[in-house]
Amino acid sequence: MSHHRIRTRTLLFTSRRLADLCLAGAIASTSMAALAAEPQPAPGSTLSGEEIRQQILGHRVQGSMSDGQQYNEAYGQDGVIVGDGYTGQASVQDDRLCLDYGSGDTTCYQVRLDDEQHVEWLENGDVVGDGVVSKTQTP
C-alpha cells in the first residue's frame, strides 16, 4: 500500500472519529439541557407547593390586590419578601403561598398561573389579586 493511501485512510478515520465525538457531545449537551429545564405548569392551573417554589420564590411579582393595593415584591429563595419600604416572610404550606409581614397575621393564597408570567392569588377559589412574575431571578 502506498504512503499516500495510508495517509488518506488515516485522515478519513480521524475525520470520522472527530465527527462521532462531535455528535456524541451534541447529544450529551441536549440531554443535559433537557434534564436541567424545569417543567412548566399548565396555563390556568393552580400550582402545587413545589411549583410555587419554582415559579414564585426567587422572583419578583408586581401587581394589585382586589382592594386596589399595589405591590412590587421580591420573593427570595429563602422566603424573605422585600417590598418598597417593608419586608416579610413567605412560606409554602399545603400548596399555598403564605405571607407574613410581621403583624402576626399570616395570609395564605392558592396560586394560579394564567400563562408564563401572569399570576392570580386565590382565597377559597376567589381571585383576590393578580400580578406579573418577572423571570429574573432574585437572591
C-alpha atoms as a PDB file:
ATOM      1  CA  MET A   1       0.000   0.000   0.000  1.00  0.00           C
ATOM      2  CA  SER A   2       1.377   3.355  -0.927  1.00  0.00           C
ATOM      3  CA  HIS A   3       2.209   6.032   1.580  1.00  0.00           C
ATOM      4  CA  HIS A   4      -0.451   8.301   0.004  1.00  0.00           C
ATOM      5  CA  ARG A   5      -3.245   5.700   0.546  1.00  0.00           C
ATOM      6  CA  ILE A   6      -2.243   5.123   4.172  1.00  0.00           C
ATOM      7  CA  ARG A   7      -2.267   8.838   4.822  1.00  0.00           C
ATOM      8  CA  THR A   8      -5.712   9.227   3.163  1.00  0.00           C
ATOM      9  CA  ARG A   9      -7.138   6.332   5.222  1.00  0.00           C
ATOM     10  CA  THR A  10      -5.706   7.824   8.414  1.00  0.00           C
ATOM     11  CA  LEU A  11      -7.238  11.210   7.628  1.00  0.00           C
ATOM     12  CA  LEU A  12     -10.622   9.610   6.851  1.00  0.00           C
ATOM     13  CA  PHE A  13     -10.531   7.620  10.099  1.00  0.00           C
ATOM     14  CA  THR A  14      -9.558  10.725  12.073  1.00  0.00           C
ATOM     15  CA  SER A  15     -12.315  12.778  10.405  1.00  0.00           C
ATOM     16  CA  ARG A  16     -14.934  10.112  11.131  1.00  0.00           C
ATOM     17  CA  ARG A  17     -13.787   9.782  14.729  1.00  0.00           C
ATOM     18  CA  LEU A  18     -13.933  13.568  15.183  1.00  0.00           C
ATOM     19  CA  ALA A  19     -17.439  13.652  13.675  1.00  0.00           C
ATOM     20  CA  ASP A  20     -18.536  10.850  16.042  1.00  0.00           C
ATOM     21  CA  LEU A  21     -17.139  12.731  19.042  1.00  0.00           C
ATOM     22  CA  CYS A  22     -18.881  15.959  17.985  1.00  0.00           C
ATOM     23  CA  LEU A  23     -22.188  14.120  17.567  1.00  0.00           C
ATOM     24  CA  ALA A  24     -21.817  12.460  20.983  1.00  0.00           C
ATOM     25  CA  GLY A  25     -21.078  15.831  22.559  1.00  0.00           C
ATOM     26  CA  ALA A  26     -24.103  17.423  20.926  1.00  0.00           C
ATOM     27  CA  ILE A  27     -26.375  14.620  22.141  1.00  0.00           C
ATOM     28  CA  ALA A  28     -24.982  14.874  25.674  1.00  0.00           C
ATOM     29  CA  SER A  29     -25.435  18.669  25.730  1.00  0.00           C
ATOM     30  CA  THR A  30     -29.031  18.404  24.517  1.00  0.00           C
ATOM     31  CA  SER A  31     -29.808  15.710  27.079  1.00  0.00           C
ATOM     32  CA  MET A  32     -28.312  17.741  29.934  1.00  0.00           C
ATOM     33  CA  ALA A  33     -30.254  20.846  28.896  1.00  0.00           C
ATOM     34  CA  ALA A  34     -33.484  18.853  28.803  1.00  0.00           C
ATOM     35  CA  LEU A  35     -32.816  17.455  32.261  1.00  0.00           C
ATOM     36  CA  ALA A  36     -31.996  20.889  33.676  1.00  0.00           C
ATOM     37  CA  ALA A  37     -35.151  22.534  32.303  1.00  0.00           C
ATOM     38  CA  GLU A  38     -37.916  22.830  34.859  1.00  0.00           C
ATOM     39  CA  PRO A  39     -41.287  21.535  33.696  1.00  0.00           C
ATOM     40  CA  GLN A  40     -43.780  24.360  33.299  1.00  0.00           C
ATOM     41  CA  PRO A  41     -47.239  24.074  34.872  1.00  0.00           C
ATOM     42  CA  ALA A  42     -50.224  24.047  32.530  1.00  0.00           C
ATOM     43  CA  PRO A  43     -51.672  27.535  31.912  1.00  0.00           C
ATOM     44  CA  GLY A  44     -54.669  28.218  34.163  1.00  0.00           C
ATOM     45  CA  SER A  45     -53.723  25.544  36.665  1.00  0.00           C
ATOM     46  CA  THR A  46     -53.483  26.021  40.405  1.00  0.00           C
ATOM     47  CA  LEU A  47     -49.875  25.472  41.399  1.00  0.00           C
ATOM     48  CA  SER A  48     -48.646  22.766  43.739  1.00  0.00           C
ATOM     49  CA  GLY A  49     -46.306  23.647  46.581  1.00  0.00           C
ATOM     50  CA  GLU A  50     -43.276  22.624  44.526  1.00  0.00           C
ATOM     51  CA  GLU A  51     -44.490  24.655  41.541  1.00  0.00           C
ATOM     52  CA  ILE A  52     -44.964  27.696  43.818  1.00  0.00           C
ATOM     53  CA  ARG A  53     -41.362  27.296  44.962  1.00  0.00           C
ATOM     54  CA  GLN A  54     -40.173  27.141  41.331  1.00  0.00           C
ATOM     55  CA  GLN A  55     -42.394  29.848  39.833  1.00  0.00           C
ATOM     56  CA  ILE A  56     -42.688  32.434  42.656  1.00  0.00           C
ATOM     57  CA  LEU A  57     -39.839  32.083  45.150  1.00  0.00           C
ATOM     58  CA  GLY A  58     -36.699  33.538  43.669  1.00  0.00           C
ATOM     59  CA  HIS A  59     -38.668  36.003  41.511  1.00  0.00           C
ATOM     60  CA  ARG A  60     -40.251  39.455  41.650  1.00  0.00           C
ATOM     61  CA  VAL A  61     -44.020  39.898  41.318  1.00  0.00           C
ATOM     62  CA  GLN A  62     -45.716  43.223  40.610  1.00  0.00           C
ATOM     63  CA  GLY A  63     -49.489  43.687  40.685  1.00  0.00           C
ATOM     64  CA  SER A  64     -52.510  44.664  42.752  1.00  0.00           C
ATOM     65  CA  MET A  65     -54.960  43.172  45.187  1.00  0.00           C
ATOM     66  CA  SER A  66     -58.744  43.343  44.829  1.00  0.00           C
ATOM     67  CA  ASP A  67     -58.877  46.227  47.345  1.00  0.00           C
ATOM     68  CA  GLY A  68     -56.723  48.293  44.959  1.00  0.00           C
ATOM     69  CA  GLN A  69     -53.493  47.959  46.940  1.00  0.00           C
ATOM     70  CA  GLN A  70     -50.500  47.864  44.575  1.00  0.00           C
ATOM     71  CA  TYR A  71     -47.432  45.761  45.335  1.00  0.00           C
ATOM     72  CA  ASN A  72     -43.993  45.124  43.884  1.00  0.00           C
ATOM     73  CA  GLU A  73     -42.260  42.409  45.866  1.00  0.00           C
ATOM     74  CA  ALA A  74     -39.191  40.219  45.510  1.00  0.00           C
ATOM     75  CA  TYR A  75     -39.612  36.750  46.978  1.00  0.00           C
ATOM     76  CA  GLY A  76     -36.214  35.296  47.859  1.00  0.00           C
ATOM     77  CA  GLN A  77     -35.482  31.580  47.580  1.00  0.00           C
ATOM     78  CA  ASP A  78     -35.220  31.671  51.390  1.00  0.00           C
ATOM     79  CA  GLY A  79     -38.735  33.165  51.650  1.00  0.00           C
ATOM     80  CA  VAL A  80     -37.651  36.710  52.536  1.00  0.00           C
ATOM     81  CA  ILE A  81     -40.032  39.250  50.979  1.00  0.00           C
ATOM     82  CA  VAL A  82     -38.652  42.667  50.078  1.00  0.00           C
ATOM     83  CA  GLY A  83     -41.087  45.398  49.050  1.00  0.00           C
ATOM     84  CA  ASP A  84     -40.832  49.173  48.835  1.00  0.00           C
ATOM     85  CA  GLY A  85     -40.113  50.114  52.456  1.00  0.00           C
ATOM     86  CA  TYR A  86     -41.163  46.839  54.044  1.00  0.00           C
ATOM     87  CA  THR A  87     -40.137  43.201  54.406  1.00  0.00           C
ATOM     88  CA  GLY A  88     -41.859  39.975  55.284  1.00  0.00           C
ATOM     89  CA  GLN A  89     -41.561  36.221  55.174  1.00  0.00           C
ATOM     90  CA  ALA A  90     -43.101  33.825  52.654  1.00  0.00           C
ATOM     91  CA  SER A  91     -43.560  30.102  53.122  1.00  0.00           C
ATOM     92  CA  VAL A  92     -45.294  27.330  51.229  1.00  0.00           C
ATOM     93  CA  GLN A  93     -47.861  25.320  53.176  1.00  0.00           C
ATOM     94  CA  ASP A  94     -50.299  22.787  51.726  1.00  0.00           C
ATOM     95  CA  ASP A  95     -49.950  24.038  48.127  1.00  0.00           C
ATOM     96  CA  ARG A  96     -50.485  27.642  49.216  1.00  0.00           C
ATOM     97  CA  LEU A  97     -48.162  30.637  49.422  1.00  0.00           C
ATOM     98  CA  CYS A  98     -48.336  32.076  52.947  1.00  0.00           C
ATOM     99  CA  LEU A  99     -47.227  35.655  53.582  1.00  0.00           C
ATOM    100  CA  ASP A 100     -46.354  37.198  56.947  1.00  0.00           C
ATOM    101  CA  TYR A 101     -45.480  40.890  57.050  1.00  0.00           C
ATOM    102  CA  GLY A 102     -44.791  40.962  60.791  1.00  0.00           C
ATOM    103  CA  SER A 103     -48.262  41.912  62.010  1.00  0.00           C
ATOM    104  CA  GLY A 104     -48.906  38.449  63.414  1.00  0.00           C
ATOM    105  CA  ASP A 105     -51.430  37.679  60.670  1.00  0.00           C
ATOM    106  CA  THR A 106     -50.316  35.185  58.062  1.00  0.00           C
ATOM    107  CA  THR A 107     -52.390  35.121  54.892  1.00  0.00           C
ATOM    108  CA  CYS A 108     -52.237  32.107  52.590  1.00  0.00           C
ATOM    109  CA  TYR A 109     -53.177  32.064  48.921  1.00  0.00           C
ATOM    110  CA  GLN A 110     -53.577  29.417  46.300  1.00  0.00           C
ATOM    111  CA  VAL A 111     -51.623  30.481  43.240  1.00  0.00           C
ATOM    112  CA  ARG A 112     -52.861  30.178  39.682  1.00  0.00           C
ATOM    113  CA  LEU A 113     -50.574  30.838  36.745  1.00  0.00           C
ATOM    114  CA  ASP A 114     -52.556  32.099  33.726  1.00  0.00           C
ATOM    115  CA  ASP A 115     -49.566  31.892  31.449  1.00  0.00           C
ATOM    116  CA  GLU A 116     -45.811  32.074  31.837  1.00  0.00           C
ATOM    117  CA  GLN A 117     -45.922  35.481  33.578  1.00  0.00           C
ATOM    118  CA  HIS A 118     -49.424  36.284  34.888  1.00  0.00           C
ATOM    119  CA  VAL A 119     -50.338  35.042  38.349  1.00  0.00           C
ATOM    120  CA  GLU A 120     -53.558  35.171  40.364  1.00  0.00           C
ATOM    121  CA  TRP A 121     -53.840  34.946  44.153  1.00  0.00           C
ATOM    122  CA  LEU A 122     -56.872  32.919  45.289  1.00  0.00           C
ATOM    123  CA  GLU A 123     -58.699  32.690  48.619  1.00  0.00           C
ATOM    124  CA  ASN A 124     -61.345  29.952  48.779  1.00  0.00           C
ATOM    125  CA  GLY A 125     -61.273  29.794  44.974  1.00  0.00           C
ATOM    126  CA  ASP A 126     -61.920  33.537  44.523  1.00  0.00           C
ATOM    127  CA  VAL A 127     -59.357  35.794  42.825  1.00  0.00           C
ATOM    128  CA  VAL A 128     -58.231  38.408  45.367  1.00  0.00           C
ATOM    129  CA  GLY A 129     -55.197  39.727  43.489  1.00  0.00           C
ATOM    130  CA  ASP A 130     -53.070  39.351  40.425  1.00  0.00           C
ATOM    131  CA  GLY A 131     -49.647  40.225  39.147  1.00  0.00           C
ATOM    132  CA  VAL A 132     -46.866  39.718  36.663  1.00  0.00           C
ATOM    133  CA  VAL A 133     -43.962  37.446  37.550  1.00  0.00           C
ATOM    134  CA  SER A 134     -40.530  38.633  36.480  1.00  0.00           C
ATOM    135  CA  LYS A 135     -38.466  35.683  35.322  1.00  0.00           C
ATOM    136  CA  THR A 136     -35.348  37.471  36.548  1.00  0.00           C
ATOM    137  CA  GLN A 137     -34.024  35.509  39.497  1.00  0.00           C
ATOM    138  CA  THR A 138     -33.705  37.234  42.867  1.00  0.00           C
ATOM    139  CA  PRO A 139     -31.329  36.022  45.592  1.00  0.00           C
END
